[in-house]
N, C-alpha and C. Protein backbone atom coordinates (compact mmCIF):
# COMPACT_ATOMS: atom_id res chain seq x y z
N UNK A 1 3.22 19.29 -15.57
CA UNK A 1 3.20 19.68 -13.96
C UNK A 1 4.33 19.26 -13.23
N UNK A 2 4.85 19.75 -12.42
CA UNK A 2 6.00 18.83 -11.17
C UNK A 2 5.98 19.89 -10.14
N UNK A 3 6.24 19.21 -9.67
CA UNK A 3 6.79 19.06 -7.52
C UNK A 3 5.41 18.84 -6.70
N UNK A 4 5.08 18.88 -7.48
CA UNK A 4 3.96 18.41 -5.72
C UNK A 4 4.36 17.60 -4.89
N UNK A 5 4.32 18.80 -3.79
CA UNK A 5 4.42 18.11 -2.56
C UNK A 5 3.13 17.80 -1.17
N UNK A 6 3.55 17.27 -0.38
CA UNK A 6 2.02 17.27 0.01
C UNK A 6 2.19 16.78 2.01
N UNK A 7 2.24 17.98 3.06
CA UNK A 7 2.80 18.17 4.30
C UNK A 7 1.35 18.42 4.95
N UNK A 8 1.32 16.88 5.83
CA UNK A 8 0.27 16.66 6.48
C UNK A 8 0.24 17.04 8.23
N UNK A 9 -1.52 17.12 8.47
CA UNK A 9 -1.84 18.35 9.89
C UNK A 9 -2.97 17.41 10.53
N UNK A 10 -3.70 17.52 11.07
CA UNK A 10 -4.62 16.61 11.74
C UNK A 10 -6.05 17.34 11.28
N UNK A 11 -6.40 16.35 10.37
CA UNK A 11 -8.02 16.23 9.77
C UNK A 11 -7.29 16.89 8.32
N UNK A 12 -6.07 17.17 7.65
CA UNK A 12 -6.19 18.74 6.11
C UNK A 12 -4.22 18.18 5.82
N UNK A 13 -4.59 18.35 4.38
CA UNK A 13 -3.90 18.42 3.81
C UNK A 13 -2.62 19.46 3.42
N UNK A 14 -1.88 19.70 2.75
CA UNK A 14 -1.36 21.11 3.25
C UNK A 14 -0.27 21.37 1.68
N UNK A 15 -0.52 20.90 -0.09
CA UNK A 15 -0.24 21.19 -0.96
C UNK A 15 0.91 22.07 -1.62
N UNK A 16 0.87 21.67 -2.48
CA UNK A 16 1.61 22.98 -3.57
C UNK A 16 2.88 22.02 -3.94
N UNK A 17 2.93 23.31 -5.11
CA UNK A 17 3.41 23.20 -6.97
C UNK A 17 3.93 23.85 -7.13
N UNK A 18 4.75 23.54 -8.29
CA UNK A 18 5.43 24.16 -8.82
C UNK A 18 4.87 25.01 -10.48
N UNK A 19 4.56 26.01 -10.81
CA UNK A 19 3.64 27.00 -11.76
C UNK A 19 3.84 26.26 -12.75
N UNK A 20 2.78 26.57 -13.22
CA UNK A 20 2.73 26.59 -15.36
C UNK A 20 2.51 27.38 -15.11
N UNK A 21 3.51 28.04 -17.13
CA UNK A 21 3.64 29.16 -17.48
C UNK A 21 1.44 29.03 -17.95
N UNK A 22 1.25 30.00 -18.17
CA UNK A 22 0.01 30.34 -19.17
C UNK A 22 -1.70 29.83 -17.96
N UNK A 23 -0.97 28.98 -17.61
CA UNK A 23 -1.82 28.22 -16.57
C UNK A 23 -3.23 29.71 -15.83
N UNK A 24 -4.47 29.25 -15.83
CA UNK A 24 -5.42 29.61 -15.52
C UNK A 24 -5.95 29.49 -13.80
N UNK A 25 -5.57 28.61 -14.47
CA UNK A 25 -6.07 27.79 -12.41
C UNK A 25 -5.71 26.26 -11.97
N UNK A 26 -5.54 25.53 -11.53
CA UNK A 26 -5.14 24.02 -11.32
C UNK A 26 -6.18 23.57 -9.86
N UNK A 27 -5.75 22.43 -10.78
CA UNK A 27 -7.20 21.41 -9.74
C UNK A 27 -6.57 20.32 -8.97
N UNK A 28 -7.09 20.53 -7.70
CA UNK A 28 -5.85 18.88 -6.65
C UNK A 28 -7.09 18.18 -7.18
N UNK A 29 -7.01 17.08 -7.25
CA UNK A 29 -7.35 16.01 -6.70
C UNK A 29 -7.23 14.89 -5.27
N UNK A 30 -7.35 13.81 -5.28
CA UNK A 30 -6.94 12.85 -4.18
C UNK A 30 -8.41 11.87 -3.85
N UNK A 31 -7.50 10.96 -3.78
CA UNK A 31 -8.39 9.72 -3.74
C UNK A 31 -7.75 8.65 -2.08
N UNK A 32 -8.53 7.88 -1.46
CA UNK A 32 -7.45 7.30 -0.61
C UNK A 32 -7.65 6.11 -1.24
N UNK A 33 -7.70 5.57 -2.02
CA UNK A 33 -7.81 4.10 -2.90
C UNK A 33 -6.20 4.33 -3.15
N UNK A 34 -5.34 3.95 -2.11
CA UNK A 34 -4.31 4.34 -2.53
C UNK A 34 -3.54 4.04 -3.82
N UNK A 35 -4.21 2.92 -4.50
CA UNK A 35 -3.25 1.87 -5.43
C UNK A 35 -4.04 2.15 -6.92
N UNK A 36 -4.70 2.80 -6.35
CA UNK A 36 -5.82 3.96 -7.99
C UNK A 36 -4.99 4.31 -8.65
N UNK A 37 -5.16 4.37 -10.13
CA UNK A 37 -5.11 5.97 -10.99
C UNK A 37 -6.47 6.69 -10.42
N UNK A 38 -5.56 7.75 -10.46
CA UNK A 38 -7.20 9.27 -10.75
C UNK A 38 -7.42 9.07 -11.81
N UNK A 39 -8.12 9.65 -12.43
CA UNK A 39 -8.57 10.20 -13.75
C UNK A 39 -9.54 10.96 -13.16
N UNK A 40 -9.43 12.14 -13.90
CA UNK A 40 -10.23 13.98 -13.58
C UNK A 40 -10.93 13.45 -14.27
N UNK A 41 -11.22 13.21 -15.44
CA UNK A 41 -12.75 12.57 -16.27
C UNK A 41 -13.85 11.44 -15.67
N UNK A 42 -13.15 11.07 -14.65
CA UNK A 42 -13.72 10.06 -14.26
C UNK A 42 -13.98 10.30 -12.77
N UNK A 43 -14.75 10.62 -11.87
CA UNK A 43 -15.33 11.39 -10.78
C UNK A 43 -14.71 9.98 -9.72
N UNK A 44 -15.49 8.36 -10.14
CA UNK A 44 -15.51 7.44 -9.49
C UNK A 44 -13.60 7.21 -8.75
N UNK A 45 -12.68 8.15 -9.21
CA UNK A 45 -11.47 7.40 -9.46
C UNK A 45 -10.91 8.33 -8.17
N UNK A 46 -11.39 9.60 -7.37
CA UNK A 46 -10.89 10.05 -7.21
C UNK A 46 -11.71 10.10 -6.14
N UNK A 47 -11.70 10.53 -4.59
CA UNK A 47 -12.25 11.31 -3.21
C UNK A 47 -13.38 12.82 -3.55
N UNK A 48 -12.40 13.94 -3.70
CA UNK A 48 -12.73 14.91 -4.10
C UNK A 48 -11.40 15.59 -5.10
N UNK A 49 -12.00 17.06 -5.25
CA UNK A 49 -11.30 17.75 -5.18
C UNK A 49 -11.60 19.56 -5.06
N UNK A 50 -11.04 19.76 -5.74
CA UNK A 50 -10.78 22.08 -5.50
C UNK A 50 -9.44 21.98 -6.35
N UNK A 51 -9.97 23.44 -7.08
CA UNK A 51 -9.62 24.16 -7.78
C UNK A 51 -9.18 25.96 -7.37
N UNK A 52 -8.20 26.40 -8.06
CA UNK A 52 -7.34 27.42 -7.28
C UNK A 52 -7.04 27.36 -9.01
N UNK A 53 -7.21 29.21 -8.27
CA UNK A 53 -7.13 30.34 -9.64
C UNK A 53 -5.52 30.39 -9.30
N UNK A 54 -4.80 30.69 -10.70
CA UNK A 54 -3.53 30.73 -11.04
C UNK A 54 -3.64 32.53 -10.53
N UNK A 55 -2.62 33.37 -9.91
CA UNK A 55 -0.93 32.11 -9.92
C UNK A 55 -1.01 31.24 -7.85
N UNK A 56 -1.55 31.17 -7.87
CA UNK A 56 -1.74 30.46 -6.97
C UNK A 56 -1.02 28.84 -6.44
N UNK A 57 -0.54 28.48 -6.00
CA UNK A 57 -0.19 27.50 -5.93
C UNK A 57 -0.15 26.88 -4.82
N UNK A 58 -1.16 26.85 -4.69
CA UNK A 58 -1.16 26.40 -3.24
C UNK A 58 -2.43 25.85 -2.92
N UNK A 59 -3.21 24.55 -1.91
CA UNK A 59 -3.61 24.34 -1.41
C UNK A 59 -3.98 23.47 -0.79
N UNK A 60 -5.29 23.52 0.16
CA UNK A 60 -5.46 22.42 1.41
C UNK A 60 -7.00 21.77 1.17
N UNK A 61 -6.30 20.50 1.45
CA UNK A 61 -7.82 19.28 1.16
C UNK A 61 -7.79 18.44 2.58
N UNK A 62 -9.19 19.03 2.82
CA UNK A 62 -9.48 19.51 3.78
C UNK A 62 -10.68 18.32 4.40
N UNK A 63 -11.04 18.10 5.57
CA UNK A 63 -12.27 16.93 5.60
C UNK A 63 -12.05 15.40 5.56
N UNK A 64 -10.38 15.17 5.58
CA UNK A 64 -9.87 14.08 6.14
C UNK A 64 -9.53 13.50 6.47
N UNK A 65 -9.99 11.80 6.42
CA UNK A 65 -9.57 10.96 8.14
C UNK A 65 -8.76 10.80 8.20
N UNK A 66 -8.05 11.08 10.06
CA UNK A 66 -7.18 10.89 9.66
C UNK A 66 -6.92 9.84 10.67
N UNK A 67 -5.30 9.12 9.91
CA UNK A 67 -5.13 8.33 9.64
C UNK A 67 -5.37 7.64 8.77
N UNK A 68 -5.77 8.05 7.47
CA UNK A 68 -5.86 7.58 6.29
C UNK A 68 -4.72 8.11 5.62
N UNK A 69 -4.23 6.81 4.80
CA UNK A 69 -3.15 7.65 3.34
C UNK A 69 -4.30 8.25 2.17
N UNK A 70 -3.57 8.73 2.03
CA UNK A 70 -4.18 9.85 0.52
C UNK A 70 -3.06 9.93 -0.13
N UNK A 71 -3.62 9.51 -1.84
CA UNK A 71 -2.58 9.97 -3.52
C UNK A 71 -3.61 11.64 -3.06
N UNK A 72 -2.81 12.08 -4.13
CA UNK A 72 -2.66 13.03 -4.45
C UNK A 72 -2.38 13.88 -5.72
N UNK A 73 -3.23 14.50 -6.64
CA UNK A 73 -2.41 14.95 -8.35
C UNK A 73 -2.66 16.70 -8.39
N UNK A 74 -2.55 17.15 -9.34
CA UNK A 74 -2.64 18.37 -9.74
C UNK A 74 -2.40 19.37 -11.13
N UNK A 75 -3.37 19.24 -11.61
CA UNK A 75 -3.35 20.03 -13.37
C UNK A 75 -3.55 20.92 -13.31
N UNK A 76 -2.78 21.31 -14.46
CA UNK A 76 -3.01 23.15 -14.89
C UNK A 76 -4.60 23.23 -15.62
N UNK A 77 -5.13 24.15 -15.58
CA UNK A 77 -6.06 24.26 -16.70
C UNK A 77 -5.68 25.61 -17.42
N UNK A 78 -6.24 25.52 -18.82
CA UNK A 78 -6.12 26.75 -19.50
C UNK A 78 -7.33 27.07 -20.33
N UNK A 79 -6.98 28.52 -20.99
CA UNK A 79 -7.94 28.04 -22.45
C UNK A 79 -8.27 27.35 -22.89
N UNK A 80 -6.45 26.63 -23.66
CA UNK A 80 -5.89 25.71 -24.55
C UNK A 80 -6.23 24.48 -23.92
N UNK A 81 -7.11 24.05 -22.92
CA UNK A 81 -6.69 22.78 -22.36
C UNK A 81 -5.84 22.60 -20.77
N UNK A 82 -5.94 21.19 -20.74
CA UNK A 82 -5.25 20.69 -19.39
C UNK A 82 -3.99 20.59 -19.45
N UNK A 83 -3.53 20.59 -18.25
CA UNK A 83 -1.64 19.96 -18.58
C UNK A 83 -2.25 17.98 -18.27
N UNK A 84 -1.73 16.95 -18.86
CA UNK A 84 -0.87 16.08 -17.93
C UNK A 84 -0.93 16.09 -16.64
N UNK A 85 -1.82 15.34 -15.89
CA UNK A 85 -0.78 15.16 -14.65
C UNK A 85 -0.14 15.38 -13.90
N UNK A 86 0.37 15.94 -12.50
CA UNK A 86 1.62 15.96 -11.83
C UNK A 86 1.82 14.70 -11.37
N UNK A 87 2.93 14.34 -10.67
CA UNK A 87 3.42 13.60 -9.76
C UNK A 87 2.59 13.42 -8.89
N UNK A 88 2.42 12.32 -8.48
CA UNK A 88 0.96 12.04 -7.15
C UNK A 88 2.33 12.05 -6.24
N UNK A 89 1.39 12.73 -4.79
CA UNK A 89 1.55 12.51 -3.46
C UNK A 89 0.80 12.35 -2.61
N UNK A 90 1.66 11.54 -1.80
CA UNK A 90 1.01 11.13 -0.83
C UNK A 90 1.11 11.88 0.54
N UNK A 91 0.57 11.66 1.41
CA UNK A 91 0.03 11.67 2.43
C UNK A 91 -1.24 11.12 3.40
N UNK A 92 -0.74 10.93 5.11
CA UNK A 92 -1.27 10.49 5.52
C UNK A 92 -1.73 11.71 7.02
N UNK A 93 -2.82 12.16 6.99
CA UNK A 93 -3.32 13.50 8.07
C UNK A 93 -3.56 12.81 9.43
C-alpha cells in the first residue's frame, strides 16, 4: 500500500491512497496515540477504523476531536489476505 494522504477539516479527516491491484476492500485505521504503532490485529492499538469497498480509494474519518493529532494507516484486503500497512499519514482536525 502506498500514497496515503490525509487532509483535515473540522472534526474529520479526508483520506486517499493509491489503488492496490486485486483489492476487494480497504481498511483504514486511526489512533490519537501518535507515537504508537497501529497493529490491525490488536484493537488496543487504534481508536477506530472504517472499511471501504474497492475500487474506491478514499474515506472520511469522522467524530474526531478537533485539535488532537491522529495517525492513519490503510491496508488492502482480498481473498488472498491483507497487504502490509501503508505509510503513516498524520492530520489534526
